[in-house]
Protein backbone atom coordinates (compact mmCIF):
# COMPACT_ATOMS: atom_id res chain seq x y z
CA SER A 1 -20.55 7.20 -145.03
CA SER A 2 -23.12 4.43 -145.08
CA PRO A 3 -26.76 5.16 -144.10
CA SER A 4 -26.37 3.08 -140.95
CA SER A 5 -23.68 5.44 -139.63
CA SER A 6 -25.57 8.72 -140.17
CA PRO A 7 -26.60 10.63 -137.02
CA SER A 8 -30.27 10.59 -137.97
CA SER A 9 -30.36 6.79 -137.93
CA SER A 10 -28.53 6.39 -134.64
CA PRO A 11 -30.60 4.90 -131.76
CA SER A 12 -29.35 7.65 -129.40
CA SER A 13 -30.39 10.58 -131.65
CA SER A 14 -33.29 12.91 -130.75
CA PRO A 15 -36.78 12.00 -131.99
CA SER A 16 -37.96 13.54 -135.23
CA PRO A 17 -40.23 16.67 -135.12
CA SER A 18 -43.22 14.54 -136.08
CA SER A 19 -42.72 12.08 -133.24
CA SER A 20 -42.09 14.94 -130.76
CA SER A 21 -45.30 16.73 -131.66
CA SER A 22 -47.33 13.53 -131.42
CA THR A 23 -45.90 12.94 -127.95
CA THR A 24 -46.90 16.45 -126.87
CA LEU A 25 -50.43 16.10 -128.22
CA SER A 26 -50.97 12.80 -126.47
CA SER A 27 -49.71 13.94 -123.08
CA ALA A 28 -52.14 14.39 -120.17
CA PRO A 29 -53.76 17.86 -119.72
CA ALA A 30 -52.22 20.21 -117.17
CA GLN A 31 -53.52 19.96 -113.64
CA LYS A 32 -56.33 22.44 -112.83
CA PHE A 33 -55.82 24.13 -109.48
CA THR A 34 -58.54 25.18 -107.06
CA THR A 35 -58.33 27.06 -103.78
CA GLU A 36 -60.63 27.95 -100.91
CA LYS A 37 -58.75 31.23 -100.36
CA ASN A 38 -59.76 34.62 -101.72
CA VAL A 39 -58.67 35.19 -105.30
CA PRO A 40 -58.48 38.55 -107.14
CA TYR A 41 -60.86 37.58 -109.94
CA THR A 42 -64.66 37.38 -109.94
CA ARG A 43 -65.36 37.19 -113.70
CA GLY A 44 -68.03 39.85 -113.08
CA GLY A 45 -66.18 42.44 -115.13
CA ASP A 46 -65.54 40.33 -118.21
CA LYS A 47 -68.14 42.29 -120.19
CA GLY A 48 -66.73 45.73 -119.42
CA THR A 49 -68.64 46.68 -116.30
CA SER A 50 -67.68 46.78 -112.64
CA GLN A 51 -69.45 47.23 -109.33
CA LEU A 52 -69.18 50.26 -107.08
CA LEU A 53 -69.27 49.96 -103.30
CA THR A 54 -72.91 51.08 -103.52
CA GLY A 55 -73.72 47.85 -105.37
CA GLU A 56 -74.41 49.67 -108.63
CA ARG A 57 -72.76 48.33 -111.79
CA ARG A 58 -71.35 50.79 -114.32
CA ARG A 59 -69.19 50.70 -117.42
CA LYS A 60 -65.49 50.61 -116.63
CA ASP A 61 -64.95 53.87 -118.50
CA ASP A 62 -67.40 55.65 -116.19
CA CYS A 63 -66.03 58.85 -114.63
CA ASN A 64 -65.99 57.28 -111.15
CA PHE A 65 -63.87 54.37 -112.34
CA GLU A 66 -61.59 56.77 -114.23
CA ALA A 67 -60.96 58.68 -111.00
CA LEU A 68 -60.66 55.50 -108.97
CA GLY A 69 -58.14 54.07 -111.43
CA CYS A 70 -55.99 57.20 -111.20
CA VAL A 71 -56.00 57.06 -107.41
CA ASP A 72 -55.08 53.37 -107.53
CA GLU A 73 -52.27 54.08 -110.00
CA LEU A 74 -51.02 56.88 -107.78
CA CYS A 75 -50.90 54.57 -104.77
CA SER A 76 -48.81 52.10 -106.75
CA VAL A 77 -46.39 54.81 -107.86
CA VAL A 78 -45.93 55.84 -104.21
CA GLY A 79 -45.15 52.19 -103.49
CA VAL A 80 -42.42 52.31 -106.16
CA VAL A 81 -41.03 55.46 -104.52
CA HIS A 82 -40.88 53.71 -101.17
CA ALA A 83 -39.14 50.72 -102.77
CA HIS A 84 -36.50 53.04 -104.29
CA LEU A 85 -35.48 54.60 -100.99
CA ASP A 86 -31.84 53.79 -100.27
CA GLU A 87 -31.63 51.62 -97.17
CA ASN A 88 -28.30 53.27 -96.26
CA THR A 89 -29.75 56.80 -96.30
CA ASP A 90 -31.54 58.54 -93.45
CA TYR A 91 -34.66 60.13 -94.94
CA GLY A 92 -36.06 61.32 -91.62
CA PRO A 93 -39.88 61.15 -91.62
CA LEU A 94 -40.22 60.46 -95.35
CA GLN A 95 -40.61 56.68 -95.19
CA ASP A 96 -43.40 56.75 -92.61
CA GLN A 97 -45.09 59.60 -94.46
CA LEU A 98 -45.16 57.62 -97.70
CA LEU A 99 -46.68 54.62 -95.96
CA ASP A 100 -49.36 56.87 -94.46
CA VAL A 101 -50.05 58.43 -97.89
CA MET A 102 -50.65 54.98 -99.38
CA CYS A 103 -53.16 54.22 -96.63
CA ARG A 104 -54.93 57.54 -97.15
CA LEU A 105 -55.13 56.89 -100.89
CA PHE A 106 -56.94 53.66 -100.06
CA ASP A 107 -59.42 55.84 -98.12
CA VAL A 108 -59.83 58.27 -101.01
CA GLY A 109 -60.30 55.37 -103.42
CA SER A 110 -62.98 53.85 -101.20
CA HIS A 111 -64.77 57.18 -101.12
CA VAL A 112 -64.62 57.62 -104.90
CA ALA A 113 -65.96 54.07 -105.28
CA LYS A 114 -68.94 54.98 -103.08
CA PRO A 115 -70.56 57.94 -104.83
CA ARG A 116 -73.34 59.69 -102.98
CA LEU A 117 -76.81 58.49 -103.94
CA ALA A 118 -79.19 61.02 -105.49
CA GLU A 119 -81.42 61.16 -102.41
CA ASN A 120 -78.44 62.10 -100.24
CA VAL A 121 -77.06 64.90 -102.43
CA GLY A 122 -76.80 68.07 -100.38
CA LYS A 123 -76.25 66.31 -97.08
CA ALA A 124 -72.95 66.70 -95.24
CA PHE A 125 -70.23 64.17 -95.97
CA VAL A 126 -69.17 62.15 -92.92
CA ALA A 127 -65.59 60.89 -92.49
CA ASN A 128 -66.60 57.61 -90.87
CA GLY A 129 -63.86 55.36 -92.25
CA VAL A 130 -66.15 53.43 -94.58
CA GLY A 131 -66.02 55.68 -97.62
CA ASP A 132 -68.65 58.28 -96.78
CA GLY A 133 -66.23 61.21 -96.51
CA ILE A 134 -62.66 62.39 -95.97
CA ASP A 135 -61.39 64.07 -92.80
CA GLU A 136 -60.33 67.64 -93.58
CA THR A 137 -57.48 67.39 -91.06
CA LEU A 138 -55.64 65.07 -93.46
CA THR A 139 -54.88 68.06 -95.66
CA GLU A 140 -53.62 69.98 -92.63
CA HIS A 141 -51.24 67.11 -91.87
CA LEU A 142 -49.85 67.33 -95.40
CA GLU A 143 -49.27 71.05 -94.99
CA ASP A 144 -47.39 70.40 -91.74
CA TRP A 145 -45.21 67.83 -93.52
CA ILE A 146 -44.53 70.24 -96.38
CA ASN A 147 -43.60 73.00 -93.96
CA GLY A 148 -41.29 70.71 -91.99
CA LEU A 149 -39.41 69.46 -95.06
CA THR A 150 -39.24 72.89 -96.66
CA GLU A 151 -37.71 74.46 -93.55
CA ALA A 152 -34.61 72.26 -93.89
CA LEU A 153 -34.23 72.74 -97.67
CA PRO A 154 -32.40 75.55 -99.48
CA GLU A 155 -34.68 78.31 -100.74
CA LEU A 156 -36.27 77.49 -104.09
CA THR A 157 -35.33 80.28 -106.53
CA SER A 158 -35.82 78.64 -109.94
CA PHE A 159 -37.75 75.96 -111.78
CA ILE A 160 -36.03 72.61 -111.29
CA LEU A 161 -35.85 69.54 -113.50
CA PRO A 162 -37.65 66.39 -112.30
CA THR A 163 -34.55 64.26 -111.85
CA GLY A 164 -31.87 63.29 -109.35
CA ALA A 165 -32.15 60.24 -107.10
CA LYS A 166 -34.41 57.40 -108.25
CA ALA A 167 -36.83 58.08 -105.42
CA ALA A 168 -36.90 61.78 -106.30
CA ALA A 169 -37.59 61.14 -109.99
CA HIS A 170 -40.41 58.75 -109.10
CA LEU A 171 -41.84 61.30 -106.66
CA HIS A 172 -42.15 63.67 -109.62
CA ILE A 173 -44.03 60.93 -111.48
CA ALA A 174 -46.27 60.61 -108.44
CA ARG A 175 -46.82 64.37 -108.57
CA THR A 176 -48.02 64.27 -112.19
CA VAL A 177 -50.24 61.21 -111.67
CA CYS A 178 -51.67 62.98 -108.63
CA ARG A 179 -52.58 65.98 -110.80
CA ARG A 180 -54.37 63.64 -113.21
CA ALA A 181 -56.30 62.05 -110.35
CA GLU A 182 -57.30 65.55 -109.25
CA ARG A 183 -58.58 66.39 -112.74
CA ARG A 184 -60.65 63.19 -112.81
CA MET A 185 -62.18 63.99 -109.43
CA VAL A 186 -63.30 67.53 -110.26
CA PRO A 187 -66.45 66.41 -112.17
CA LEU A 188 -67.44 64.17 -109.24
CA VAL A 189 -67.21 67.10 -106.83
CA ASP A 190 -69.19 69.26 -109.26
CA GLU A 191 -71.88 66.57 -109.27
CA ARG A 192 -71.80 66.69 -105.45
CA THR A 193 -71.24 62.92 -105.29
CA CYS A 194 -67.67 63.31 -103.96
CA ASP A 195 -66.46 65.06 -100.81
CA PRO A 196 -64.61 68.31 -101.60
CA ASN A 197 -62.21 67.37 -98.79
CA ALA A 198 -61.05 64.42 -100.91
CA LEU A 199 -60.23 66.78 -103.78
CA LYS A 200 -58.48 69.18 -101.41
CA TYR A 201 -56.32 66.34 -100.05
CA ILE A 202 -55.29 65.21 -103.55
CA ASN A 203 -54.51 68.79 -104.53
CA ARG A 204 -52.23 69.29 -101.54
CA LEU A 205 -50.71 65.85 -102.01
CA SER A 206 -49.17 66.87 -105.34
CA ASP A 207 -47.47 69.78 -103.54
CA TYR A 208 -46.19 67.33 -100.96
CA PHE A 209 -44.71 65.08 -103.67
CA PHE A 210 -42.84 68.03 -105.17
CA THR A 211 -41.37 68.90 -101.78
CA ALA A 212 -40.64 65.26 -100.98
CA ALA A 213 -38.73 64.92 -104.27
CA ARG A 214 -36.46 67.80 -103.27
CA TRP A 215 -36.13 66.24 -99.81
CA ALA A 216 -35.07 62.87 -101.26
CA ASN A 217 -32.34 64.58 -103.30
CA TYR A 218 -31.35 66.55 -100.22
CA CYS A 219 -31.01 63.43 -98.10
CA GLU A 220 -28.92 61.69 -100.77
CA GLY A 221 -26.76 64.75 -101.44
CA ARG A 222 -27.82 64.89 -105.07
CA GLU A 223 -27.56 67.87 -107.37
CA GLU A 224 -30.67 69.88 -108.13
CA LEU A 225 -30.63 70.82 -111.82
CA GLN A 226 -32.32 74.09 -112.62
CA TYR A 227 -34.27 75.05 -115.72
CA GLN A 228 -32.22 76.86 -118.38
CA ARG A 229 -33.89 79.27 -120.79
CA GLN A 230 -31.06 78.91 -123.32
CA PRO A 231 -31.59 75.76 -125.48
CA HIS A 232 -28.99 73.06 -126.10
CA SER A 233 -27.21 73.56 -122.77
CA THR A 234 -24.74 70.85 -121.89
CA GLN A 235 -24.59 69.15 -118.50
CA ARG A 236 -21.64 71.37 -117.53
CA GLN A 237 -23.45 74.52 -118.56
CA ARG A 238 -26.49 73.77 -116.44
CA ILE A 239 -26.91 75.35 -113.05
CA ALA A 240 -26.57 72.54 -110.53
CA ARG A 241 -26.98 73.11 -106.83
CA THR A 242 -25.91 70.30 -104.53
CA LEU A 243 -28.40 69.54 -101.80
CA ARG A 244 -26.41 68.09 -98.91
CA LYS A 245 -27.95 67.02 -95.67
CA THR A 246 -25.43 67.99 -93.00
CA ASP A 247 -24.92 66.04 -89.82
CA PRO A 248 -25.93 68.27 -86.86
CA LYS A 249 -23.11 66.73 -84.82
CA SER A 250 -20.52 67.91 -87.31
CA SER A 251 -21.80 71.48 -87.57
């Protein structure tokens, strides 16, 4: 065909790459937004340091920030667990318990972010709601929750695999992150800058997550897969115990 009939010479064809790029380069810069509302950035940590609630700045890999980061991560994992609860399933007290745990993890995080000053080492920690200590009754509440959930569950006679319902599997993730947070907090307690009650709460919390994982499977009627010593077991060969929550009205 003649040059005048080729697609590239047609008035309706797309602009060439060179003309497109020149148009982009000459366009006006994107609008820069501002707001009077609180924003999550301060730019203060751009050089690798952050500020504790005491006002002191430390490197972000400091042991207090390591512990604080684990507690923060744990709180987020609990939020994922809560999001995975099936809206058509009755989990009893589990949903409210998880919301309370997230709030208490905020308290523990505030406490870790407010390490005791050297001149106050040796003084009693005070659970005053502003990070100076953790109420020891919080651990007692966890034990009550564990006892209540355990009472309704079948007796645990074997190691179980961390699977089942989505909420249950994520509760096992919460359990392992909780153990890591506990390990990060031990040096702070040894330094006497962290309330031992905070460590005790985190220790018991991992036990609660294990029990809550079994409870979630129980409420959803999921199978509980047990550990097998013999390797290469197939799904059929595994010992699976169905956890079914029975309706009291039907029993």
